[in-house]
Amino acid sequence: MLELTLIDQMTIILYLGCVLGLGLWAGRRVNDLEEYAVAGRNYTAPIIAATLSASFIGGGFTMGNAEKVFTMGIVNIMALWGFSLKEMLVARFIAPRSRRFPTAISVGDVMEVNYGKTGKFVTGIFSVLLCAGILGAQIGGMGYLFNLFLGLSVPTGIMIGMGIIILYDTVGGMRAVVSTDVLQFAILAVGMPLVLIFGISQLGGLGEVLDRVPAGHLEVFSKMTPMQFGSLFLTFMLGETLVPPYVLRLFISRDTKAVSRGTLWSGLFSVPFFAISGGIGLVALVLKPDLNPNLAIPFVVESVLPIGMRGLVIAGILAVVMSSADSFLNSASVAFVNDIVNPLRREKLSNRTGLLWARLATLITGFLAIVIAIRIQSLLDILLFAYNFWSPIILVPLAATLLGYKATPRAFISGAAAGLIGVFGWSRLLGAPGGFDGLIIGVFANFLVFWVVNRVQSAEPECAQVLARD
């Protein structure tokens, strides 16, 4: 546990109270499922950039990045830029086309355009699994942070942090999520650079830090081969591409220019942010080479920041985890109602009834996530396993639909099967030769089969017309 003054502890408690109050206030007028899912579709580019950044910069891109840079060097920062590139590509090619889906409130709504109710239902299943897995990982990390910073037991930390999220997420949906994300982004964007600046200053300047860092940490290929780096770069680029919380951000404004700019700004922001969080790992390495790498950021916070400022930065670290958790919780509940329940009914739920179902789904999912994180942690690995199959199953057909390409349900099912086989065959049977991630093989297999099957089916009517003329 870090030793915090009463001022620091009160700062953290005040922050948590502000998050809860802001979330409840922002969501007080949510009246139907569409409002709960996409919050009126009237946000501006800066708000979109802030909420998107707060959603994707979770514990893995902060404390996890610092830990990896502590052990492996700057290569991890450069690999993470694959994620940044992905955001810029989405801003350029996909965000401008979001206007084609003016009533969409979920990924399943997009998939239904080409692949019908079957595609929507399958997408809903994997959306819930993916979101539940990432949610479980985030709240598990939240409990660890509460234990580290405030001395609370991990279960107590999980219940407090997740309890706050459940309250405002259940009441306000996307409106509450966006409002709290903006606050969390502001603290995040200020707090993390301050940690790095104070750390470098205490060590005598940037030149001194670079001189004392082990040489291999400043070289790209000292700890991995070019093939392994390429695999890691592509994994970061493809692994979270078009996952439900990020897709929903494409629909929270009717102004596609605002959506495109906000997405682009978010991608650009991530470039220096990944360098900053990784840089803190290097500062920790210079300060204490025998430190547990997982404690890189907390150690630097405790070592270099003045009293009072520590509480603000720690609040920012908690904000990182909470801002990801609330987005995935909201997306899971919307996907459950809109993509799983509605396709199974003869008539879909009305907007008001759907809102009630979504709130109940949020409440139940949140409490189940708490129970799982506290009591049955091994199941989180099973849920996170589903995360590895999002891109090999859903990414290719989803991107095709968002880009305006016509495709068939058979192409979707065939590509998904190929993606599953590709992942399983490469990773499990062959043992991931060369360290190349099976996720990438799965995406490629999905793309190849999806394209071939769709081309064959598109050619069938033309052949029939030629035969009829003959």
Protein backbone atom coordinates (compact mmCIF):
# COMPACT_ATOMS: atom_id res chain seq x y z
CA MET A 1 0.00 0.00 0.00
CA LEU A 2 1.19 3.52 -0.78
CA GLU A 3 1.49 5.93 2.12
CA LEU A 4 -0.95 8.76 1.40
CA THR A 5 -1.69 11.82 3.49
CA LEU A 6 -5.21 12.67 4.62
CA ILE A 7 -5.32 15.37 1.93
CA ASP A 8 -4.55 12.82 -0.79
CA GLN A 9 -7.14 10.39 0.55
CA MET A 10 -9.80 13.12 0.73
CA THR A 11 -8.99 14.13 -2.86
CA ILE A 12 -9.62 10.58 -4.05
CA ILE A 13 -12.87 10.29 -2.07
CA LEU A 14 -14.06 13.68 -3.36
CA TYR A 15 -13.30 12.61 -6.91
CA LEU A 16 -15.29 9.38 -6.58
CA GLY A 17 -18.21 11.37 -5.17
CA CYS A 18 -18.03 13.82 -8.08
CA VAL A 19 -18.08 10.97 -10.60
CA LEU A 20 -21.17 9.44 -9.01
CA GLY A 21 -22.98 12.76 -8.71
CA LEU A 22 -22.15 13.82 -12.27
CA GLY A 23 -23.25 10.46 -13.70
CA LEU A 24 -26.59 10.51 -11.88
CA TRP A 25 -27.23 14.14 -12.82
CA ALA A 26 -26.39 13.63 -16.51
CA GLY A 27 -28.63 10.58 -16.82
CA ARG A 28 -31.64 11.93 -15.01
CA ARG A 29 -33.75 12.49 -18.16
CA VAL A 30 -33.13 9.27 -20.09
CA ASN A 31 -36.55 8.05 -21.24
CA ASP A 32 -36.06 5.32 -23.85
CA LEU A 33 -33.64 2.68 -25.13
CA GLU A 34 -32.23 4.83 -27.94
CA GLU A 35 -31.36 7.61 -25.49
CA TYR A 36 -29.83 5.02 -23.17
CA ALA A 37 -27.67 3.62 -25.99
CA VAL A 38 -26.60 6.67 -28.02
CA ALA A 39 -27.61 9.66 -25.86
CA GLY A 40 -29.54 11.79 -28.33
CA ARG A 41 -26.92 11.76 -31.11
CA ASN A 42 -25.92 15.41 -30.59
CA TYR A 43 -22.34 15.41 -29.30
CA THR A 44 -19.54 17.56 -30.71
CA ALA A 45 -16.10 16.47 -31.90
CA PRO A 46 -14.24 17.40 -28.67
CA ILE A 47 -16.72 15.44 -26.54
CA ILE A 48 -16.47 12.43 -28.87
CA ALA A 49 -12.66 12.59 -28.70
CA ALA A 50 -12.74 12.76 -24.89
CA THR A 51 -15.22 9.91 -24.34
CA LEU A 52 -13.55 7.67 -26.91
CA SER A 53 -10.10 8.27 -25.41
CA ALA A 54 -11.35 7.66 -21.88
CA SER A 55 -12.98 4.43 -23.04
CA PHE A 56 -9.98 2.81 -24.68
CA ILE A 57 -7.21 4.01 -22.35
CA GLY A 58 -7.76 1.44 -19.62
CA GLY A 59 -5.39 -0.11 -17.15
CA GLY A 60 -3.57 -2.02 -19.88
CA PHE A 61 -2.59 1.12 -21.79
CA THR A 62 -1.35 2.88 -18.64
CA MET A 63 -0.06 0.67 -15.83
CA GLY A 64 0.29 -2.27 -18.21
CA ASN A 65 2.25 -0.21 -20.72
CA ALA A 66 4.56 1.15 -18.01
CA GLU A 67 5.17 -2.39 -16.78
CA LYS A 68 6.03 -3.66 -20.28
CA VAL A 69 8.35 -0.72 -21.02
CA PHE A 70 10.04 -1.31 -17.62
CA THR A 71 10.84 -4.88 -18.66
CA MET A 72 11.12 -4.69 -22.47
CA GLY A 73 11.80 -1.08 -23.43
CA ILE A 74 10.30 1.35 -25.91
CA VAL A 75 9.33 -1.40 -28.34
CA ASN A 76 6.03 -1.75 -26.46
CA ILE A 77 5.22 1.93 -27.04
CA MET A 78 5.84 1.54 -30.76
CA ALA A 79 3.72 -1.58 -30.90
CA LEU A 80 0.87 0.26 -29.17
CA TRP A 81 0.93 2.81 -31.96
CA GLY A 82 -0.76 0.11 -34.00
CA PHE A 83 -3.86 0.97 -31.97
CA SER A 84 -3.33 4.66 -32.75
CA LEU A 85 -3.07 3.89 -36.47
CA LYS A 86 -6.29 1.91 -36.27
CA GLU A 87 -8.15 4.89 -34.80
CA MET A 88 -6.88 7.15 -37.58
CA LEU A 89 -7.97 4.65 -40.24
CA VAL A 90 -11.43 4.40 -38.67
CA ALA A 91 -11.64 8.20 -38.69
CA ARG A 92 -10.67 8.34 -42.36
CA PHE A 93 -12.60 5.45 -43.88
CA ILE A 94 -15.38 4.33 -41.53
CA ALA A 95 -16.55 7.28 -39.43
CA PRO A 96 -17.67 9.33 -42.50
CA ARG A 97 -19.95 6.45 -43.49
CA SER A 98 -21.73 6.27 -40.13
CA ARG A 99 -24.53 8.38 -41.66
CA ARG A 100 -25.70 5.23 -43.46
CA PHE A 101 -26.99 3.95 -40.11
CA PRO A 102 -29.08 6.83 -38.72
CA THR A 103 -31.12 4.61 -36.37
CA ALA A 104 -28.43 2.14 -35.27
CA ILE A 105 -27.94 1.75 -31.52
CA SER A 106 -25.71 -1.35 -31.52
CA VAL A 107 -23.22 -3.32 -33.59
CA GLY A 108 -25.99 -5.82 -34.30
CA ASP A 109 -28.05 -3.14 -36.04
CA VAL A 110 -25.18 -2.62 -38.47
CA MET A 111 -24.68 -6.33 -39.07
CA GLU A 112 -28.40 -6.86 -39.70
CA VAL A 113 -28.18 -4.74 -42.86
CA ASN A 114 -26.24 -7.44 -44.73
CA TYR A 115 -26.62 -10.58 -42.65
CA GLY A 116 -30.17 -10.44 -41.30
CA LYS A 117 -31.36 -11.47 -37.85
CA THR A 118 -28.90 -14.37 -37.71
CA GLY A 119 -25.96 -12.01 -38.14
CA LYS A 120 -27.42 -9.65 -35.57
CA PHE A 121 -27.98 -12.43 -33.04
CA VAL A 122 -24.50 -13.95 -33.45
CA THR A 123 -22.96 -10.50 -33.14
CA GLY A 124 -24.98 -9.91 -29.97
CA ILE A 125 -23.66 -13.10 -28.39
CA PHE A 126 -20.04 -12.20 -29.06
CA SER A 127 -20.61 -8.56 -28.08
CA VAL A 128 -21.85 -9.61 -24.64
CA LEU A 129 -19.01 -12.12 -24.18
CA LEU A 130 -16.38 -9.62 -25.24
CA CYS A 131 -17.75 -6.78 -23.11
CA ALA A 132 -18.24 -9.05 -20.08
CA GLY A 133 -14.67 -10.33 -20.36
CA ILE A 134 -13.08 -6.90 -20.58
CA LEU A 135 -15.41 -5.61 -17.85
CA GLY A 136 -14.31 -8.45 -15.57
CA ALA A 137 -10.65 -7.69 -16.18
CA GLN A 138 -11.14 -3.97 -15.55
CA ILE A 139 -12.98 -4.36 -12.26
CA GLY A 140 -10.47 -6.95 -11.08
CA GLY A 141 -7.79 -4.32 -11.70
CA MET A 142 -9.97 -1.76 -9.94
CA GLY A 143 -9.97 -3.84 -6.77
CA TYR A 144 -6.19 -4.12 -6.95
CA LEU A 145 -5.85 -0.33 -7.27
CA PHE A 146 -8.13 0.36 -4.30
CA ASN A 147 -6.04 -2.09 -2.29
CA LEU A 148 -2.78 -0.49 -3.39
CA PHE A 149 -3.78 3.14 -2.96
CA LEU A 150 -6.25 3.10 -0.07
CA GLY A 151 -5.43 -0.13 1.76
CA LEU A 152 -8.90 -1.59 1.19
CA SER A 153 -9.29 -5.30 0.57
CA VAL A 154 -9.59 -6.25 -3.10
CA PRO A 155 -13.25 -7.37 -2.74
CA THR A 156 -14.12 -4.13 -0.95
CA GLY A 157 -12.41 -2.09 -3.66
CA ILE A 158 -14.29 -3.98 -6.37
CA MET A 159 -17.63 -3.41 -4.67
CA ILE A 160 -17.03 0.31 -4.11
CA GLY A 161 -15.69 1.09 -7.59
CA MET A 162 -18.16 -1.10 -9.45
CA GLY A 163 -21.00 0.00 -7.20
CA ILE A 164 -20.46 3.61 -8.30
CA ILE A 165 -20.38 2.59 -11.96
CA ILE A 166 -23.48 0.42 -11.68
CA LEU A 167 -25.48 3.24 -10.07
CA TYR A 168 -24.85 5.90 -12.71
CA ASP A 169 -24.70 3.49 -15.64
CA THR A 170 -28.04 1.90 -14.74
CA VAL A 171 -29.73 5.27 -14.37
CA GLY A 172 -28.19 7.23 -17.21
CA GLY A 173 -26.72 4.87 -19.80
CA MET A 174 -24.63 6.58 -22.46
CA ARG A 175 -25.40 10.09 -21.19
CA ALA A 176 -23.94 9.23 -17.81
CA VAL A 177 -21.00 7.41 -19.41
CA VAL A 178 -20.08 10.32 -21.69
CA SER A 179 -20.37 12.92 -18.93
CA THR A 180 -18.15 10.99 -16.52
CA ASP A 181 -15.75 10.13 -19.35
CA VAL A 182 -15.15 13.82 -20.03
CA LEU A 183 -14.26 14.42 -16.36
CA GLN A 184 -12.08 11.32 -16.27
CA PHE A 185 -10.35 12.30 -19.52
CA ALA A 186 -9.53 15.76 -18.16
CA ILE A 187 -7.87 14.30 -15.05
CA LEU A 188 -6.16 11.62 -17.12
CA ALA A 189 -4.78 14.08 -19.68
CA VAL A 190 -3.32 16.32 -16.96
CA GLY A 191 -2.26 13.77 -14.34
CA MET A 192 -0.16 11.37 -16.40
CA PRO A 193 2.07 14.01 -18.05
CA LEU A 194 2.64 15.56 -14.60
CA VAL A 195 3.96 12.25 -13.28
CA LEU A 196 6.44 11.97 -16.15
CA ILE A 197 7.54 15.62 -15.93
CA PHE A 198 8.17 15.45 -12.17
CA GLY A 199 9.94 12.10 -12.55
CA ILE A 200 12.31 13.36 -15.25
CA SER A 201 12.95 16.54 -13.27
CA GLN A 202 13.85 14.62 -10.11
CA LEU A 203 16.33 12.48 -12.04
CA GLY A 204 18.09 15.54 -13.46
CA GLY A 205 16.54 15.89 -16.89
CA LEU A 206 15.76 13.80 -19.95
CA GLY A 207 19.39 13.35 -20.91
CA GLU A 208 20.20 11.90 -17.51
CA VAL A 209 17.28 9.45 -17.77
CA LEU A 210 18.35 8.26 -21.22
CA ASP A 211 21.96 7.84 -20.07
CA ARG A 212 20.92 5.63 -17.13
CA VAL A 213 18.38 3.47 -18.96
CA PRO A 214 19.83 0.10 -20.10
CA ALA A 215 20.84 0.40 -23.75
CA GLY A 216 18.61 -2.44 -24.91
CA HIS A 217 15.52 -0.62 -23.63
CA LEU A 218 16.00 2.12 -26.22
CA GLU A 219 16.37 -0.28 -29.16
CA VAL A 220 13.38 -1.65 -31.06
CA PHE A 221 14.58 -5.18 -31.74
CA SER A 222 16.73 -5.91 -28.71
CA LYS A 223 14.00 -7.91 -26.92
CA MET A 224 12.01 -9.30 -29.88
CA THR A 225 12.45 -10.14 -33.54
CA PRO A 226 10.95 -8.02 -36.34
CA MET A 227 8.39 -10.81 -36.88
CA GLN A 228 7.34 -10.68 -33.23
CA PHE A 229 7.14 -6.90 -33.32
CA GLY A 230 5.00 -7.02 -36.46
CA SER A 231 2.71 -9.55 -34.81
CA LEU A 232 2.35 -7.40 -31.69
CA PHE A 233 1.75 -4.24 -33.74
CA LEU A 234 -0.98 -5.92 -35.79
CA THR A 235 -2.52 -7.46 -32.67
CA PHE A 236 -2.86 -4.03 -31.08
CA MET A 237 -4.17 -2.69 -34.38
CA LEU A 238 -6.79 -5.41 -34.90
CA GLY A 239 -7.56 -6.69 -31.40
CA GLU A 240 -9.97 -3.93 -30.36
CA THR A 241 -10.98 -2.69 -33.80
CA LEU A 242 -14.69 -1.84 -33.95
CA VAL A 243 -15.55 -3.39 -30.59
CA PRO A 244 -19.03 -2.37 -29.35
CA PRO A 245 -18.14 0.67 -27.16
CA TYR A 246 -16.10 2.24 -29.98
CA VAL A 247 -18.72 1.53 -32.64
CA LEU A 248 -21.41 3.17 -30.50
CA ARG A 249 -19.28 6.34 -30.43
CA LEU A 250 -19.83 6.53 -34.20
CA PHE A 251 -23.56 6.93 -33.56
CA ILE A 252 -23.63 9.53 -30.76
CA SER A 253 -23.70 12.40 -33.26
CA ARG A 254 -25.67 12.97 -36.46
CA ASP A 255 -22.80 15.15 -37.72
CA THR A 256 -20.42 12.74 -39.43
CA LYS A 257 -17.74 15.44 -39.61
CA ALA A 258 -17.84 15.69 -35.82
CA VAL A 259 -17.61 11.90 -35.54
CA SER A 260 -14.65 11.77 -37.93
CA ARG A 261 -12.79 14.63 -36.26
CA GLY A 262 -13.43 13.29 -32.77
CA THR A 263 -12.18 9.84 -33.74
CA LEU A 264 -9.10 11.29 -35.42
CA TRP A 265 -8.28 13.50 -32.45
CA SER A 266 -8.62 10.51 -30.16
CA GLY A 267 -6.16 8.53 -32.28
CA LEU A 268 -3.70 11.43 -32.38
CA PHE A 269 -3.98 11.89 -28.60
CA SER A 270 -3.11 8.25 -28.03
CA VAL A 271 0.30 8.62 -29.74
CA PRO A 272 1.91 10.89 -27.12
CA PHE A 273 -0.15 9.33 -24.32
CA PHE A 274 1.31 5.87 -24.94
CA ALA A 275 4.78 7.45 -24.99
CA ILE A 276 4.04 9.20 -21.67
CA SER A 277 2.74 6.14 -19.83
CA GLY A 278 5.64 4.09 -21.21
CA GLY A 279 8.09 6.83 -20.29
CA ILE A 280 6.96 6.58 -16.67
CA GLY A 281 8.07 2.95 -16.83
CA LEU A 282 11.56 4.07 -17.82
CA VAL A 283 11.63 6.60 -14.97
CA ALA A 284 10.67 3.84 -12.53
CA LEU A 285 13.43 1.62 -13.93
CA VAL A 286 16.05 4.32 -13.32
CA LEU A 287 14.71 5.12 -9.85
CA LYS A 288 14.54 1.49 -8.65
CA PRO A 289 15.78 -1.21 -11.06
CA ASP A 290 14.71 -4.07 -8.74
CA LEU A 291 11.12 -2.78 -8.44
CA ASN A 292 8.17 -5.05 -9.21
CA PRO A 293 7.35 -3.82 -12.75
CA ASN A 294 3.61 -3.88 -12.00
CA LEU A 295 4.22 -1.08 -9.49
CA ALA A 296 6.03 1.23 -11.91
CA ILE A 297 3.43 4.02 -12.06
CA PRO A 298 2.36 3.86 -8.37
CA PHE A 299 6.02 3.94 -7.28
CA VAL A 300 6.80 7.00 -9.40
CA VAL A 301 3.65 8.73 -8.14
CA GLU A 302 4.69 8.16 -4.54
CA SER A 303 8.34 9.06 -5.15
CA VAL A 304 8.17 12.27 -7.16
CA LEU A 305 4.84 14.04 -6.64
CA PRO A 306 4.19 16.53 -3.85
CA ILE A 307 1.49 15.97 -1.22
CA GLY A 308 -1.96 16.81 -2.56
CA MET A 309 -1.02 16.24 -6.17
CA ARG A 310 -0.65 12.53 -5.49
CA GLY A 311 -4.34 12.25 -4.71
CA LEU A 312 -5.25 13.97 -7.99
CA VAL A 313 -3.05 11.67 -10.07
CA ILE A 314 -4.23 8.54 -8.25
CA ALA A 315 -7.79 9.68 -8.95
CA GLY A 316 -6.74 9.87 -12.60
CA ILE A 317 -5.43 6.30 -12.49
CA LEU A 318 -8.72 5.12 -11.00
CA ALA A 319 -10.47 7.15 -13.70
CA VAL A 320 -8.63 5.15 -16.36
CA VAL A 321 -10.15 1.88 -15.17
CA MET A 322 -13.61 3.24 -14.40
CA SER A 323 -13.97 4.96 -17.78
CA SER A 324 -13.34 1.68 -19.59
CA ALA A 325 -15.54 -0.38 -17.29
CA ASP A 326 -18.60 1.87 -17.61
CA SER A 327 -18.42 1.82 -21.43
CA PHE A 328 -18.22 -1.96 -21.67
CA LEU A 329 -21.00 -2.41 -19.10
CA ASN A 330 -23.29 -0.10 -21.08
CA SER A 331 -22.46 -1.81 -24.37
CA ALA A 332 -23.08 -5.28 -22.93
CA SER A 333 -26.56 -4.35 -21.71
CA VAL A 334 -27.55 -2.67 -24.99
CA ALA A 335 -26.27 -5.63 -27.01
CA PHE A 336 -28.18 -8.07 -24.81
CA VAL A 337 -31.50 -6.29 -25.29
CA ASN A 338 -31.20 -5.09 -28.87
CA ASP A 339 -29.15 -7.88 -30.47
CA ILE A 340 -30.17 -10.97 -28.50
CA VAL A 341 -33.62 -10.42 -26.98
CA ASN A 342 -35.22 -8.47 -29.84
CA PRO A 343 -34.26 -10.92 -32.65
CA LEU A 344 -35.84 -13.76 -30.64
CA ARG A 345 -39.19 -11.96 -30.40
CA ARG A 346 -41.91 -11.64 -33.04
CA GLU A 347 -42.17 -7.96 -32.24
CA LYS A 348 -39.22 -6.12 -30.79
CA LEU A 349 -39.54 -4.41 -27.42
CA SER A 350 -40.84 -0.86 -27.41
CA ASN A 351 -38.32 1.86 -26.62
CA ARG A 352 -39.62 2.32 -23.07
CA THR A 353 -39.81 -1.41 -22.36
CA GLY A 354 -36.40 -1.85 -23.94
CA LEU A 355 -35.05 0.82 -21.56
CA LEU A 356 -36.35 -1.14 -18.57
CA TRP A 357 -34.76 -4.34 -19.90
CA ALA A 358 -31.46 -2.51 -20.54
CA ARG A 359 -31.39 -1.09 -17.02
CA LEU A 360 -32.11 -4.50 -15.54
CA ALA A 361 -29.40 -6.02 -17.77
CA THR A 362 -26.93 -3.36 -16.59
CA LEU A 363 -27.80 -3.99 -12.96
CA ILE A 364 -27.59 -7.78 -13.26
CA THR A 365 -24.44 -7.78 -15.42
CA GLY A 366 -22.71 -5.40 -13.04
CA PHE A 367 -23.51 -7.44 -9.94
CA LEU A 368 -22.58 -10.70 -11.66
CA ALA A 369 -19.26 -9.15 -12.69
CA ILE A 370 -18.62 -8.26 -9.03
CA VAL A 371 -19.37 -11.81 -7.90
CA ILE A 372 -17.20 -13.34 -10.62
CA ALA A 373 -14.28 -11.00 -9.92
CA ILE A 374 -14.42 -11.71 -6.19
CA ARG A 375 -15.29 -15.39 -6.01
CA ILE A 376 -14.59 -17.14 -9.31
CA GLN A 377 -11.66 -15.30 -10.81
CA SER A 378 -10.61 -18.24 -13.00
CA LEU A 379 -13.74 -17.78 -15.11
CA LEU A 380 -12.47 -14.39 -16.19
CA ASP A 381 -9.93 -16.17 -18.33
CA ILE A 382 -12.78 -17.93 -20.14
CA LEU A 383 -14.54 -14.62 -20.75
CA LEU A 384 -11.33 -12.96 -21.91
CA PHE A 385 -10.82 -15.92 -24.24
CA ALA A 386 -13.87 -14.67 -26.17
CA TYR A 387 -12.04 -11.36 -26.69
CA ASN A 388 -9.51 -13.10 -28.91
CA PHE A 389 -12.29 -14.20 -31.23
CA TRP A 390 -13.92 -10.81 -31.80
CA SER A 391 -11.71 -9.77 -34.68
CA PRO A 392 -11.49 -13.21 -36.39
CA ILE A 393 -15.30 -13.55 -36.33
CA ILE A 394 -16.86 -10.10 -36.45
CA LEU A 395 -14.30 -7.58 -37.71
CA VAL A 396 -14.23 -8.43 -41.42
CA PRO A 397 -18.01 -8.62 -42.05
CA LEU A 398 -18.62 -5.60 -39.81
CA ALA A 399 -16.01 -3.48 -41.59
CA ALA A 400 -17.45 -4.54 -44.96
CA THR A 401 -20.92 -3.39 -43.93
CA LEU A 402 -19.71 -0.10 -42.46
CA LEU A 403 -17.76 0.59 -45.66
CA GLY A 404 -20.88 0.00 -47.75
CA TYR A 405 -20.00 -3.35 -49.37
CA LYS A 406 -22.84 -5.74 -50.04
CA ALA A 407 -22.28 -9.19 -48.60
CA THR A 408 -24.34 -12.30 -47.90
CA PRO A 409 -25.20 -14.20 -44.70
CA ARG A 410 -23.42 -17.24 -46.14
CA ALA A 411 -20.23 -15.23 -46.54
CA PHE A 412 -20.54 -14.07 -42.92
CA ILE A 413 -21.01 -17.60 -41.53
CA SER A 414 -18.28 -19.08 -43.75
CA GLY A 415 -15.81 -16.34 -42.85
CA ALA A 416 -16.57 -16.66 -39.14
CA ALA A 417 -15.97 -20.42 -39.29
CA ALA A 418 -12.69 -19.87 -41.14
CA GLY A 419 -11.63 -17.31 -38.55
CA LEU A 420 -12.29 -19.72 -35.70
CA ILE A 421 -10.42 -22.52 -37.45
CA GLY A 422 -7.54 -20.18 -38.24
CA VAL A 423 -7.15 -19.09 -34.61
CA PHE A 424 -7.48 -22.61 -33.21
CA GLY A 425 -5.27 -24.25 -35.80
CA TRP A 426 -2.49 -21.69 -35.63
CA SER A 427 -2.40 -21.12 -31.87
CA ARG A 428 -3.45 -24.49 -30.44
CA LEU A 429 -2.38 -27.09 -33.00
CA LEU A 430 0.73 -25.40 -34.41
CA GLY A 431 1.73 -23.49 -31.27
CA ALA A 432 1.87 -20.03 -32.94
CA PRO A 433 5.02 -20.52 -35.08
CA GLY A 434 7.48 -17.65 -34.95
CA GLY A 435 5.52 -16.01 -32.15
CA PHE A 436 2.96 -14.75 -34.68
CA ASP A 437 -0.41 -14.25 -32.97
CA GLY A 438 -3.27 -16.55 -34.03
CA LEU A 439 -5.66 -13.59 -33.99
CA ILE A 440 -3.99 -12.19 -37.11
CA ILE A 441 -4.17 -15.55 -38.88
CA GLY A 442 -7.85 -15.77 -37.95
CA VAL A 443 -8.61 -12.33 -39.38
CA PHE A 444 -6.78 -13.17 -42.60
CA ALA A 445 -8.60 -16.51 -42.92
CA ASN A 446 -11.94 -14.81 -42.31
CA PHE A 447 -11.18 -12.15 -44.92
CA LEU A 448 -10.09 -14.67 -47.56
CA VAL A 449 -13.07 -17.00 -47.15
CA PHE A 450 -15.53 -14.12 -46.74
CA TRP A 451 -14.33 -12.52 -49.98
CA VAL A 452 -14.29 -15.78 -51.98
CA VAL A 453 -17.76 -16.92 -50.85
CA ASN A 454 -19.23 -13.48 -51.45
CA ARG A 455 -17.71 -13.31 -54.95
CA VAL A 456 -19.00 -16.77 -55.82
CA GLN A 457 -22.51 -15.95 -54.63
CA SER A 458 -22.47 -12.63 -56.48
CA ALA A 459 -21.49 -14.43 -59.68
CA GLU A 460 -24.32 -16.99 -59.44
CA PRO A 461 -27.14 -14.65 -60.60
CA GLU A 462 -24.99 -13.45 -63.51
CA CYS A 463 -24.35 -17.03 -64.60
CA ALA A 464 -28.04 -17.81 -64.34
CA GLN A 465 -28.89 -14.83 -66.54
CA VAL A 466 -26.37 -15.91 -69.17
CA LEU A 467 -27.74 -19.46 -69.20
CA ALA A 468 -31.30 -18.13 -69.47
CA ARG A 469 -30.37 -16.03 -72.49
CA ASP A 470 -28.66 -19.01 -74.14
